[in-house]
């Protein structure tokens, strides 16, 4: 009861530090502990996140999760900022990757019902997985650490990596892209744009050109979806110049 109402404890002994950490954890709090001396080591080790100072004792450094090399408490703020940025980058990548997978599975499953037995070949699917997903991980890893992330509430311990909003984005975007792809394959207008001369392209069904165009179309809409996955606002180009990796990857693909 006391730790929930007292903001500052001073002149505490090592065992009292431990009791404070444990009491806070029992209330469901995520506890961070900083220290530099031997007497801080037990509490630093048992906290959810332990920080030790760069000029502290070796025992405290070994007990901690993170060593603050510059002995500057502002580095704690930076650690939180970049931690939140990293989590957001992982979530952005998951939204993009799972959307690609949902769209690909739906197209492969529903394609035969629209008259196309194999809309994407195994080689094309492998190309998409290797190039799109691997390079996408590189693209989202360079997202900017925005100061506004520090105004957000802490994320609960038990929260899933993929939230309800993320599932909504994944499924809605995946189904929308699959619908566009099936329209591309089934539309007479689109088919008329990519006509294959069976006497020259050695394709009995005459759809080789259409399926080649479809592969390019599928890659293009997923490459565009990167812009959608990387921002939570309506502005798809928000702070995009701060992530050069992203722009390079989009251009390469």
Protein backbone atom coordinates (compact mmCIF):
# COMPACT_ATOMS: atom_id res chain seq x y z
CA UNK A 1 0.00 0.00 0.00
CA UNK A 2 2.83 2.40 0.84
CA UNK A 3 4.69 2.19 -2.49
CA UNK A 4 1.58 3.25 -4.38
CA UNK A 5 1.36 6.56 -2.54
CA UNK A 6 4.98 7.54 -1.83
CA UNK A 7 7.04 9.08 -4.63
CA UNK A 8 10.48 9.26 -3.03
CA UNK A 9 12.30 6.97 -0.59
CA UNK A 10 15.69 8.06 0.74
CA UNK A 11 18.40 6.57 2.97
CA UNK A 12 17.19 3.07 2.12
CA UNK A 13 19.21 -0.07 2.84
CA UNK A 14 19.87 -2.79 0.20
CA UNK A 15 17.12 -5.05 1.58
CA UNK A 16 14.66 -2.13 1.59
CA UNK A 17 15.46 -1.46 -2.09
CA UNK A 18 14.61 -5.08 -2.82
CA UNK A 19 11.33 -4.81 -0.90
CA UNK A 20 10.38 -1.65 -2.84
CA UNK A 21 11.06 -3.39 -6.18
CA UNK A 22 9.09 -6.49 -5.17
CA UNK A 23 6.20 -4.47 -3.76
CA UNK A 24 5.88 -2.47 -6.98
CA UNK A 25 5.98 -5.67 -9.05
CA UNK A 26 3.18 -7.16 -6.94
CA UNK A 27 0.97 -4.20 -7.88
CA UNK A 28 1.52 -5.01 -11.57
CA UNK A 29 4.04 -2.26 -12.27
CA UNK A 30 6.99 -2.66 -14.62
CA UNK A 31 9.97 -1.69 -12.47
CA UNK A 32 13.24 -0.18 -13.63
CA UNK A 33 16.15 0.16 -11.19
CA UNK A 34 19.36 2.14 -11.56
CA UNK A 35 22.48 1.76 -9.46
CA UNK A 36 26.25 1.95 -9.37
CA UNK A 37 27.31 0.32 -6.08
CA UNK A 38 27.47 -3.22 -4.75
CA UNK A 39 24.49 -2.55 -2.49
CA UNK A 40 22.35 -1.80 -5.58
CA UNK A 41 23.13 -5.09 -7.34
CA UNK A 42 20.33 -7.28 -5.82
CA UNK A 43 17.59 -4.75 -6.61
CA UNK A 44 19.01 -4.05 -10.08
CA UNK A 45 19.05 -7.78 -10.86
CA UNK A 46 15.49 -8.42 -9.65
CA UNK A 47 13.90 -5.41 -11.35
CA UNK A 48 12.19 -5.91 -14.72
CA UNK A 49 14.87 -3.72 -16.28
CA UNK A 50 18.14 -3.05 -14.50
CA UNK A 51 20.38 -0.10 -15.40
CA UNK A 52 23.93 0.32 -14.13
CA UNK A 53 26.23 3.30 -14.51
CA UNK A 54 29.34 3.05 -16.68
CA UNK A 55 31.57 4.02 -13.76
CA UNK A 56 29.81 1.64 -11.35
CA UNK A 57 31.09 -1.57 -9.83
CA UNK A 58 31.58 -4.70 -11.91
CA UNK A 59 29.04 -6.61 -9.81
CA UNK A 60 26.31 -4.06 -10.58
CA UNK A 61 27.16 -4.08 -14.29
CA UNK A 62 26.92 -7.88 -14.39
CA UNK A 63 23.57 -7.76 -12.58
CA UNK A 64 22.06 -5.17 -14.91
CA UNK A 65 20.40 -5.49 -18.31
CA UNK A 66 21.74 -2.20 -19.68
CA UNK A 67 24.93 -0.28 -18.85
CA UNK A 68 24.69 3.52 -19.20
CA UNK A 69 28.14 4.17 -20.62
CA UNK A 70 27.99 7.98 -20.46
CA UNK A 71 26.58 8.05 -16.86
CA UNK A 72 23.87 10.40 -18.14
CA UNK A 73 20.31 9.86 -16.92
CA UNK A 74 19.06 11.32 -20.22
CA UNK A 75 20.24 8.05 -21.76
CA UNK A 76 17.40 6.32 -19.88
CA UNK A 77 14.93 8.46 -21.84
CA UNK A 78 16.69 7.60 -25.10
CA UNK A 79 16.56 3.91 -24.23
CA UNK A 80 12.78 4.12 -23.78
CA UNK A 81 12.38 6.15 -26.98
CA UNK A 82 14.38 3.73 -29.13
CA UNK A 83 12.75 0.75 -27.46
CA UNK A 84 9.31 2.05 -28.40
CA UNK A 85 10.54 2.86 -31.91
CA UNK A 86 11.90 -0.67 -32.33
CA UNK A 87 8.60 -2.21 -31.25
CA UNK A 88 6.70 0.00 -33.70
CA UNK A 89 9.10 -1.00 -36.50
CA UNK A 90 8.53 -4.69 -35.76
CA UNK A 91 4.76 -4.16 -35.80
CA UNK A 92 4.94 -2.24 -39.08
CA UNK A 93 6.88 -5.09 -40.65
CA UNK A 94 4.37 -7.65 -39.35
CA UNK A 95 1.46 -5.67 -40.81
CA UNK A 96 3.19 -5.57 -44.19
CA UNK A 97 4.35 -9.19 -44.22
CA UNK A 98 1.08 -10.73 -43.03
CA UNK A 99 -0.91 -8.60 -45.48
CA UNK A 100 1.22 -9.96 -48.34
CA UNK A 101 0.64 -13.51 -47.09
CA UNK A 102 -3.13 -13.05 -46.72
CA UNK A 103 -3.39 -11.64 -50.25
CA UNK A 104 -1.20 -14.37 -51.75
CA UNK A 105 -3.10 -17.20 -50.05
CA UNK A 106 -6.49 -15.81 -51.10
CA UNK A 107 -5.36 -15.34 -54.71
CA UNK A 108 -3.87 -18.85 -54.87
CA UNK A 109 -7.02 -20.36 -53.33
CA UNK A 110 -9.63 -18.38 -55.25
CA UNK A 111 -7.76 -18.13 -58.57
CA UNK A 112 -9.09 -21.48 -59.95
CA UNK A 113 -12.66 -20.33 -59.29
CA UNK A 114 -11.97 -17.37 -61.59
CA UNK A 115 -10.51 -19.50 -64.37
CA UNK A 116 -6.80 -19.25 -63.49
CA UNK A 117 -5.33 -22.48 -62.13
CA UNK A 118 -2.02 -21.03 -60.95
CA UNK A 119 -2.06 -17.20 -60.72
CA UNK A 120 1.39 -17.18 -59.08
CA UNK A 121 3.94 -19.91 -59.69
CA UNK A 122 6.04 -21.40 -56.90
CA UNK A 123 9.09 -19.52 -58.20
CA UNK A 124 7.18 -16.23 -58.15
CA UNK A 125 5.91 -16.84 -54.61
CA UNK A 126 9.48 -17.63 -53.53
CA UNK A 127 10.71 -14.43 -55.19
CA UNK A 128 8.04 -12.43 -53.36
CA UNK A 129 8.93 -13.97 -49.99
CA UNK A 130 12.67 -13.54 -50.38
CA UNK A 131 12.78 -10.10 -51.99
CA UNK A 132 9.69 -8.40 -50.56
CA UNK A 133 9.91 -9.69 -46.98
CA UNK A 134 13.69 -9.64 -46.53
CA UNK A 135 14.11 -6.16 -47.98
CA UNK A 136 11.02 -4.95 -46.11
CA UNK A 137 12.66 -5.90 -42.81
CA UNK A 138 15.62 -3.75 -43.83
CA UNK A 139 13.29 -0.90 -44.87
CA UNK A 140 11.31 -0.74 -41.62
CA UNK A 141 14.43 -1.08 -39.44
CA UNK A 142 15.40 2.51 -40.21
CA UNK A 143 12.20 4.18 -38.96
CA UNK A 144 12.76 7.50 -37.17
CA UNK A 145 12.49 7.75 -33.38
CA UNK A 146 9.77 10.39 -33.06
CA UNK A 147 9.48 12.38 -29.83
CA UNK A 148 5.70 11.93 -29.79
CA UNK A 149 6.19 8.25 -28.95
CA UNK A 150 7.13 9.39 -25.43
CA UNK A 151 3.64 10.81 -24.92
CA UNK A 152 2.01 7.40 -25.39
CA UNK A 153 0.96 5.29 -22.44
CA UNK A 154 3.19 2.35 -21.48
CA UNK A 155 2.29 -0.94 -23.15
CA UNK A 156 0.91 -3.54 -20.70
CA UNK A 157 3.08 -6.58 -20.07
CA UNK A 158 0.58 -9.08 -21.39
CA UNK A 159 -0.36 -7.22 -24.56
CA UNK A 160 -0.04 -9.27 -27.74
CA UNK A 161 2.56 -8.29 -30.31
CA UNK A 162 -0.22 -8.13 -32.90
CA UNK A 163 -3.06 -5.90 -31.65
CA UNK A 164 -6.69 -5.82 -32.74
CA UNK A 165 -6.07 -2.72 -34.88
CA UNK A 166 -3.21 -4.52 -36.60
CA UNK A 167 -5.40 -7.53 -37.38
CA UNK A 168 -8.01 -5.17 -38.85
CA UNK A 169 -5.40 -3.56 -41.10
CA UNK A 170 -3.95 -6.94 -42.13
CA UNK A 171 -7.29 -8.55 -43.00
CA UNK A 172 -8.93 -5.52 -44.63
CA UNK A 173 -5.86 -4.69 -46.74
CA UNK A 174 -5.27 -8.36 -47.56
CA UNK A 175 -8.84 -8.93 -48.74
CA UNK A 176 -8.84 -5.64 -50.67
CA UNK A 177 -5.62 -6.51 -52.49
CA UNK A 178 -6.91 -10.02 -53.23
CA UNK A 179 -10.10 -8.51 -54.69
CA UNK A 180 -8.03 -6.20 -56.93
CA UNK A 181 -5.90 -9.14 -58.04
CA UNK A 182 -8.93 -11.30 -58.90
CA UNK A 183 -10.45 -8.41 -60.82
CA UNK A 184 -7.19 -8.10 -62.75
CA UNK A 185 -7.33 -11.79 -63.68
CA UNK A 186 -11.04 -11.91 -64.50
CA UNK A 187 -11.69 -8.53 -66.14
CA UNK A 188 -12.20 -8.67 -69.90
CA UNK A 189 -10.87 -5.11 -70.14
CA UNK A 190 -7.59 -6.06 -68.45
CA UNK A 191 -7.31 -9.25 -70.50
CA UNK A 192 -7.64 -7.15 -73.64
CA UNK A 193 -4.60 -5.11 -72.62
CA UNK A 194 -2.36 -8.18 -72.38
CA UNK A 195 -3.13 -10.38 -75.36
CA UNK A 196 -0.77 -13.24 -76.17
CA UNK A 197 -0.31 -14.38 -79.77
CA UNK A 198 -0.37 -18.17 -79.34
CA UNK A 199 1.61 -18.68 -82.54
CA UNK A 200 4.55 -16.67 -81.21
CA UNK A 201 4.58 -17.05 -77.44
CA UNK A 202 4.14 -20.87 -77.48
CA UNK A 203 1.34 -20.75 -74.92
CA UNK A 204 -1.72 -22.89 -75.74
CA UNK A 205 -4.04 -20.96 -73.43
CA UNK A 206 -2.71 -17.61 -74.54
CA UNK A 207 -2.50 -16.18 -70.98
CA UNK A 208 1.26 -16.07 -70.48
CA UNK A 209 1.42 -12.33 -71.05
CA UNK A 210 -1.54 -11.73 -68.72
CA UNK A 211 0.02 -13.78 -65.89
CA UNK A 212 3.34 -12.00 -66.35
CA UNK A 213 1.55 -8.67 -66.08
CA UNK A 214 -0.35 -9.97 -63.06
CA UNK A 215 2.91 -10.85 -61.29
CA UNK A 216 4.13 -7.30 -61.85
CA UNK A 217 0.79 -5.94 -60.62
CA UNK A 218 0.91 -8.06 -57.44
CA UNK A 219 4.45 -6.90 -56.66
CA UNK A 220 3.52 -3.26 -57.35
CA UNK A 221 0.49 -3.12 -55.02
CA UNK A 222 2.43 -4.83 -52.22
CA UNK A 223 5.34 -2.45 -52.70
CA UNK A 224 2.86 0.43 -52.43
CA UNK A 225 1.38 -1.15 -49.30
CA UNK A 226 4.70 -0.48 -47.56
CA UNK A 227 3.69 3.18 -47.41
CA UNK A 228 0.40 2.19 -45.82
CA UNK A 229 2.03 -0.09 -43.24
CA UNK A 230 4.66 2.38 -42.07
CA UNK A 231 2.41 5.18 -40.87
CA UNK A 232 -0.65 5.42 -38.64
CA UNK A 233 -1.80 8.72 -40.14
CA UNK A 234 -3.56 9.51 -43.43
CA UNK A 235 -0.36 11.08 -44.75
CA UNK A 236 1.50 8.18 -46.40
CA UNK A 237 4.67 10.27 -46.75
CA UNK A 238 4.89 11.38 -43.11
CA UNK A 239 8.56 11.84 -42.03
CA UNK A 240 9.53 9.55 -44.93
CA UNK A 241 12.76 11.45 -45.64
CA UNK A 242 14.06 10.41 -42.21
CA UNK A 243 14.21 6.78 -43.36
CA UNK A 244 16.43 6.57 -46.44
CA UNK A 245 16.55 2.76 -46.18
CA UNK A 246 12.83 2.66 -46.90
CA UNK A 247 13.09 4.76 -50.05
CA UNK A 248 16.06 2.73 -51.32
CA UNK A 249 14.21 -0.57 -50.81
CA UNK A 250 11.06 0.70 -52.59
CA UNK A 251 13.16 1.81 -55.57
CA UNK A 252 15.12 -1.48 -55.69
CA UNK A 253 11.95 -3.59 -55.70
